[in-house]
Amino acid sequence: MALSLASQSAYAATVVPPGNRSAEQPPIPGASAKRTRELSTTYEKKYQKIYNLLKKDASLRSKIRSTAAAYGIDPIHIVGAIVGEHTYNVDVYDRLQTYYVKAMSYVNQGVSFGYNGESIGQFIKRPEFADCLKHKDSYSLWSCRENVWNKNFRGKSVGGNAYPNNRFSAVFFQPFYAGQTFGLGQINPLTALQMSDMVNRVSGLPKLNAEDGNVVYKTIMDPDLTLPYIAATLKQSINSYRQIADFDISKNPGLTATLYNTGGAEARARALANENAKRKADGQEPLLPQENYYGWLVNSKLDELKALF
């Protein structure tokens, strides 16, 4: 069913109201269900586990609050991203200390990013990537490189090398096993590299270098260092929807959680903007952005999550 809203102001983005657009939760992917079965648990048990960690750890809540303030977002957006990841994608550790231990175990193994013997540093020196160097901020730079991968390399043979039909982040930035993300916010290394400049500017953390995998991994595994990257990712999604699709999604943590889960906020905002331009030309009302299964859970648990803060 089409979802409509009041006419948009020429001067301000349309505020998407809180709450779910769907009365029922959208379908949960099979991979998530398989992981949950393998852990002999349920989504509700996993939700309660991450909820209890947040509830009993006042220090973590304080850090979430201060990080959110620095990035100009409501802390509930950070909480929503963390809760969604640990309900559907991974199991939460009982204590934050375990994340620090895991961080060091990966760093001690030695982390490098590459594919089939070619480091990421070598790969992005190829002429296909030359035009990306005009971008001076890390988000635009790595987004450009991701687009070049999709256009020129993904699922193709180039110079005698066959490249998988898979995401840039999956091919070059998962050195230990497929589908791997890390830490409290389950951030993948490519996302961290994209957000590096914003985090440096707002939080003062050192800029990340793709050729120093150890530092990238330690950053996204360490709860104290990863929170700014979670916040920056959410802020970028809010900015993309405001600038591209003319929607203010800052009042709907289910939408920011959805985009945190899916990635590609900019492309999704552009697709929605294009769809709404067609609808406007046809005399139809524009569509609202809509939550997926992950964001739907966050919105449905909003009252008790907000009560933590």
Protein backbone atom coordinates (compact mmCIF):
# COMPACT_ATOMS: atom_id res chain seq x y z
CA MET A 1 0.00 0.00 0.00
CA ALA A 2 1.35 3.45 -0.91
CA LEU A 3 2.35 5.61 2.03
CA SER A 4 1.72 9.32 1.65
CA LEU A 5 2.30 12.47 3.63
CA ALA A 6 1.41 16.13 3.66
CA SER A 7 2.88 18.37 1.00
CA GLN A 8 6.53 19.21 1.46
CA SER A 9 7.76 22.66 2.29
CA ALA A 10 10.05 24.29 -0.22
CA TYR A 11 12.24 25.47 2.63
CA ALA A 12 12.55 22.51 5.00
CA ALA A 13 12.80 18.76 4.74
CA THR A 14 9.63 16.86 5.60
CA VAL A 15 9.86 15.39 9.10
CA VAL A 16 9.12 11.66 9.09
CA PRO A 17 7.04 11.00 12.22
CA PRO A 18 8.10 8.42 14.83
CA GLY A 19 6.75 4.89 14.65
CA ASN A 20 6.42 2.10 12.12
CA ARG A 21 4.71 2.51 8.78
CA SER A 22 3.98 -1.25 8.65
CA ALA A 23 1.48 -2.75 11.08
CA GLU A 24 3.39 -6.06 11.00
CA GLN A 25 7.11 -6.71 11.04
CA PRO A 26 8.60 -7.10 7.53
CA PRO A 27 10.14 -10.54 6.78
CA ILE A 28 13.41 -11.43 8.53
CA PRO A 29 16.13 -12.79 6.18
CA GLY A 30 16.87 -16.51 6.29
CA ALA A 31 20.53 -15.98 7.20
CA SER A 32 19.54 -14.21 10.42
CA ALA A 33 17.11 -16.99 11.34
CA LYS A 34 19.80 -19.62 10.65
CA ARG A 35 22.32 -17.87 12.93
CA THR A 36 19.73 -17.63 15.68
CA ARG A 37 18.85 -21.34 15.42
CA GLU A 38 22.54 -22.29 15.53
CA LEU A 39 22.90 -20.35 18.80
CA SER A 40 19.88 -22.23 20.23
CA THR A 41 18.20 -18.97 21.12
CA THR A 42 15.38 -16.67 20.00
CA TYR A 43 15.24 -13.06 18.84
CA GLU A 44 13.46 -12.07 22.03
CA LYS A 45 16.19 -13.67 24.18
CA LYS A 46 18.88 -11.92 22.15
CA TYR A 47 17.05 -8.61 22.46
CA GLN A 48 16.77 -9.05 26.24
CA LYS A 49 20.49 -9.83 26.46
CA ILE A 50 21.60 -6.60 24.77
CA TYR A 51 18.88 -4.65 26.59
CA ASN A 52 20.17 -5.97 29.93
CA LEU A 53 23.77 -5.08 29.05
CA LEU A 54 22.68 -1.50 28.33
CA LYS A 55 20.52 -1.38 31.45
CA LYS A 56 23.21 -2.54 33.87
CA ASP A 57 26.14 -0.61 32.34
CA ALA A 58 25.68 3.03 33.39
CA SER A 59 29.12 3.92 32.05
CA LEU A 60 28.21 2.68 28.57
CA ARG A 61 24.95 4.64 28.65
CA SER A 62 26.87 7.76 29.67
CA LYS A 63 29.31 7.30 26.78
CA ILE A 64 26.43 6.80 24.33
CA ARG A 65 24.78 9.98 25.62
CA SER A 66 27.91 12.12 25.30
CA THR A 67 28.83 10.69 21.87
CA ALA A 68 25.32 11.34 20.55
CA ALA A 69 25.50 14.93 21.79
CA ALA A 70 28.82 15.47 19.99
CA TYR A 71 27.28 14.33 16.68
CA GLY A 72 24.01 16.19 17.19
CA ILE A 73 21.77 13.11 17.27
CA ASP A 74 19.46 11.58 19.86
CA PRO A 75 21.17 8.74 21.79
CA ILE A 76 18.26 6.47 20.86
CA HIS A 77 19.70 6.26 17.32
CA ILE A 78 22.94 4.72 18.65
CA VAL A 79 20.99 2.40 20.94
CA GLY A 80 18.76 1.32 18.05
CA ALA A 81 21.75 0.41 15.88
CA ILE A 82 23.38 -1.60 18.68
CA VAL A 83 20.15 -3.37 19.66
CA GLY A 84 19.31 -4.29 16.07
CA GLU A 85 22.76 -5.72 15.37
CA HIS A 86 22.79 -7.88 18.46
CA THR A 87 19.21 -9.06 18.07
CA TYR A 88 19.49 -10.16 14.45
CA ASN A 89 23.12 -10.44 13.42
CA VAL A 90 25.32 -11.50 16.34
CA ASP A 91 25.12 -12.54 19.95
CA VAL A 92 26.13 -9.98 22.53
CA TYR A 93 28.96 -10.54 24.98
CA ASP A 94 27.95 -10.36 28.63
CA ARG A 95 30.53 -7.71 29.45
CA LEU A 96 32.14 -4.91 27.48
CA GLN A 97 35.54 -6.16 28.63
CA THR A 98 35.14 -9.14 26.27
CA TYR A 99 35.15 -6.79 23.29
CA TYR A 100 38.54 -5.41 24.35
CA VAL A 101 39.94 -8.94 24.64
CA LYS A 102 38.63 -9.86 21.17
CA ALA A 103 40.12 -6.67 19.72
CA MET A 104 43.58 -7.60 20.90
CA SER A 105 43.27 -11.21 19.70
CA TYR A 106 42.61 -10.00 16.14
CA VAL A 107 45.38 -7.42 16.25
CA ASN A 108 47.83 -10.04 17.50
CA GLN A 109 47.05 -12.19 14.45
CA GLY A 110 48.01 -9.30 12.17
CA VAL A 111 45.34 -7.70 10.01
CA SER A 112 45.72 -6.70 6.38
CA PHE A 113 43.12 -5.91 3.74
CA GLY A 114 43.36 -7.30 0.24
CA TYR A 115 42.22 -9.93 -2.24
CA ASN A 116 44.10 -12.78 -3.87
CA GLY A 117 47.53 -11.49 -2.86
CA GLU A 118 46.87 -7.86 -3.85
CA SER A 119 46.65 -5.39 -0.97
CA ILE A 120 43.92 -2.76 -0.94
CA GLY A 121 46.66 -0.13 -1.16
CA GLN A 122 47.93 -1.64 -4.42
CA PHE A 123 44.43 -2.19 -5.80
CA ILE A 124 43.26 1.42 -5.44
CA LYS A 125 46.36 2.66 -7.30
CA ARG A 126 44.90 1.18 -10.50
CA PRO A 127 44.01 3.78 -13.16
CA GLU A 128 40.28 3.05 -12.82
CA PHE A 129 40.40 4.73 -9.39
CA ALA A 130 42.36 7.83 -10.44
CA ASP A 131 39.29 10.06 -10.74
CA CYS A 132 38.37 9.36 -7.10
CA LEU A 133 41.41 11.30 -5.92
CA LYS A 134 39.54 14.54 -6.59
CA HIS A 135 37.51 13.77 -3.45
CA LYS A 136 39.21 15.18 -0.38
CA ASP A 137 36.98 13.77 2.37
CA SER A 138 37.07 10.10 3.35
CA TYR A 139 33.34 9.50 2.86
CA SER A 140 33.29 10.72 -0.74
CA LEU A 141 36.66 9.10 -1.50
CA TRP A 142 35.77 5.60 -0.33
CA SER A 143 32.23 5.84 -1.70
CA CYS A 144 33.76 6.68 -5.09
CA ARG A 145 36.09 3.68 -4.82
CA GLU A 146 33.15 1.47 -3.93
CA ASN A 147 31.28 2.72 -7.01
CA VAL A 148 34.32 2.02 -9.22
CA TRP A 149 34.47 -1.50 -7.82
CA ASN A 150 30.81 -2.08 -8.64
CA LYS A 151 31.12 -0.66 -12.16
CA ASN A 152 34.52 -1.95 -13.29
CA PHE A 153 35.48 -4.99 -11.24
CA ARG A 154 32.55 -6.68 -9.52
CA GLY A 155 31.85 -10.06 -11.17
CA LYS A 156 34.27 -9.31 -14.03
CA SER A 157 37.69 -10.39 -15.28
CA VAL A 158 40.17 -7.51 -15.50
CA GLY A 159 43.76 -7.96 -16.64
CA GLY A 160 43.50 -11.72 -16.29
CA ASN A 161 42.12 -11.54 -12.74
CA ALA A 162 38.57 -12.71 -12.00
CA TYR A 163 36.79 -10.75 -9.29
CA PRO A 164 33.83 -12.07 -7.25
CA ASN A 165 30.33 -10.76 -7.77
CA ASN A 166 30.22 -9.44 -4.23
CA ARG A 167 30.37 -6.20 -2.28
CA PHE A 168 33.65 -4.26 -2.10
CA SER A 169 33.61 -4.57 1.69
CA ALA A 170 33.13 -8.36 1.53
CA VAL A 171 35.91 -8.98 -1.01
CA PHE A 172 38.66 -6.72 0.34
CA PHE A 173 37.80 -6.02 3.97
CA GLN A 174 37.02 -9.39 5.59
CA PRO A 175 40.42 -11.05 6.08
CA PHE A 176 39.30 -13.73 8.55
CA TYR A 177 35.93 -15.02 7.36
CA ALA A 178 32.98 -14.04 5.17
CA GLY A 179 30.20 -11.88 6.55
CA GLN A 180 32.47 -10.59 9.27
CA THR A 181 31.78 -7.35 11.11
CA PHE A 182 33.08 -6.26 14.47
CA GLY A 183 32.46 -4.82 17.86
CA LEU A 184 29.57 -3.25 19.68
CA GLY A 185 28.21 -1.63 16.51
CA GLN A 186 29.23 -4.43 14.12
CA ILE A 187 30.89 -1.92 11.82
CA ASN A 188 32.70 -3.21 8.76
CA PRO A 189 36.15 -1.76 8.01
CA LEU A 190 35.03 -0.01 4.80
CA THR A 191 32.36 1.92 6.71
CA ALA A 192 34.97 2.92 9.30
CA LEU A 193 37.26 4.21 6.54
CA GLN A 194 34.38 6.22 5.05
CA MET A 195 33.58 7.83 8.42
CA SER A 196 37.20 8.49 9.37
CA ASP A 197 37.27 12.22 8.55
CA MET A 198 34.00 13.02 10.34
CA VAL A 199 35.19 11.14 13.43
CA ASN A 200 38.55 12.91 13.29
CA ARG A 201 36.82 16.29 13.01
CA VAL A 202 34.19 15.73 15.72
CA SER A 203 35.89 13.36 18.18
CA GLY A 204 39.55 14.08 17.49
CA LEU A 205 40.45 10.42 16.84
CA PRO A 206 43.33 9.78 14.41
CA LYS A 207 42.40 9.25 10.77
CA LEU A 208 42.34 5.62 9.65
CA ASN A 209 44.55 4.17 6.92
CA ALA A 210 43.38 1.15 4.90
CA GLU A 211 46.94 -0.15 4.83
CA ASP A 212 47.09 -0.28 8.63
CA GLY A 213 44.52 -2.99 9.27
CA ASN A 214 45.56 -3.47 12.89
CA VAL A 215 44.56 0.08 13.83
CA VAL A 216 41.28 -0.18 11.89
CA TYR A 217 40.34 -3.39 13.69
CA LYS A 218 41.35 -2.15 17.11
CA THR A 219 39.28 0.99 16.55
CA ILE A 220 36.07 -0.81 15.62
CA MET A 221 36.47 -3.54 18.26
CA ASP A 222 37.20 -1.16 21.15
CA PRO A 223 33.85 0.03 22.60
CA ASP A 224 35.29 3.42 23.55
CA LEU A 225 36.61 4.06 20.03
CA THR A 226 33.77 2.52 18.02
CA LEU A 227 30.90 4.62 19.44
CA PRO A 228 31.92 7.72 17.43
CA TYR A 229 31.94 5.59 14.26
CA ILE A 230 28.43 4.32 15.00
CA ALA A 231 27.27 7.91 15.58
CA ALA A 232 28.98 9.19 12.43
CA THR A 233 27.37 6.46 10.30
CA LEU A 234 23.93 7.38 11.64
CA LYS A 235 24.57 11.10 11.17
CA GLN A 236 25.64 10.50 7.57
CA SER A 237 22.37 8.64 6.87
CA ILE A 238 20.34 11.50 8.35
CA ASN A 239 22.30 14.02 6.26
CA SER A 240 21.89 11.96 3.06
CA TYR A 241 18.11 11.74 3.40
CA ARG A 242 17.82 15.43 4.20
CA GLN A 243 20.04 16.57 1.32
CA ILE A 244 19.00 14.07 -1.36
CA ALA A 245 15.42 12.97 -0.60
CA ASP A 246 14.25 16.05 1.36
CA PHE A 247 13.25 13.98 4.40
CA ASP A 248 14.22 14.58 8.02
CA ILE A 249 14.49 11.07 9.51
CA SER A 250 16.07 12.24 12.78
CA LYS A 251 12.83 11.65 14.72
CA ASN A 252 12.51 8.02 13.60
CA PRO A 253 15.23 5.73 15.02
CA GLY A 254 13.69 2.76 13.21
CA LEU A 255 14.65 4.37 9.90
CA THR A 256 18.21 5.19 10.94
CA ALA A 257 18.51 1.62 12.28
CA THR A 258 17.22 0.28 8.95
CA LEU A 259 19.88 2.24 7.05
CA TYR A 260 22.54 1.18 9.54
CA ASN A 261 21.55 -2.42 8.77
CA THR A 262 21.33 -2.12 4.98
CA GLY A 263 24.05 0.44 4.28
CA GLY A 264 23.87 2.49 1.10
CA ALA A 265 21.90 5.38 2.61
CA GLU A 266 22.90 7.73 -0.20
CA ALA A 267 21.77 5.36 -2.98
CA ARG A 268 18.52 4.61 -1.16
CA ALA A 269 17.83 8.30 -0.64
CA ARG A 270 18.45 8.93 -4.34
CA ALA A 271 16.13 6.08 -5.37
CA LEU A 272 13.38 7.46 -3.13
CA ALA A 273 13.90 10.99 -4.46
CA ASN A 274 13.62 9.71 -8.05
CA GLU A 275 10.48 7.73 -7.25
CA ASN A 276 8.87 10.74 -5.58
CA ALA A 277 9.77 13.00 -8.51
CA LYS A 278 7.87 10.61 -10.80
CA ARG A 279 4.93 10.52 -8.39
CA LYS A 280 4.83 14.30 -8.25
CA ALA A 281 4.79 14.49 -12.06
CA ASP A 282 1.85 12.05 -12.04
CA GLY A 283 -0.03 14.12 -9.46
CA GLN A 284 0.52 11.58 -6.67
CA GLU A 285 1.63 12.23 -3.10
CA PRO A 286 5.23 11.32 -2.22
CA LEU A 287 6.14 8.13 -0.40
CA LEU A 288 7.65 8.11 3.07
CA PRO A 289 10.83 6.15 3.73
CA GLN A 290 9.95 2.81 5.31
CA GLU A 291 11.59 0.65 7.97
CA ASN A 292 12.74 -2.94 7.40
CA TYR A 293 12.43 -5.82 9.91
CA TYR A 294 15.42 -4.51 11.89
CA GLY A 295 14.17 -0.93 12.17
CA TRP A 296 10.64 -2.18 12.88
CA LEU A 297 11.91 -3.91 16.05
CA VAL A 298 13.67 -0.73 17.19
CA ASN A 299 10.52 1.35 16.75
CA SER A 300 8.38 -1.29 18.49
CA LYS A 301 10.72 -1.27 21.54
CA LEU A 302 11.15 2.49 21.59
CA ASP A 303 9.45 3.24 24.91
CA GLU A 304 11.59 0.87 26.97
CA LEU A 305 14.78 1.81 25.13
CA LYS A 306 14.11 5.51 25.69
CA ALA A 307 13.49 4.81 29.38
CA LEU A 308 17.15 3.75 29.67
CA PHE A 309 18.07 7.39 28.99
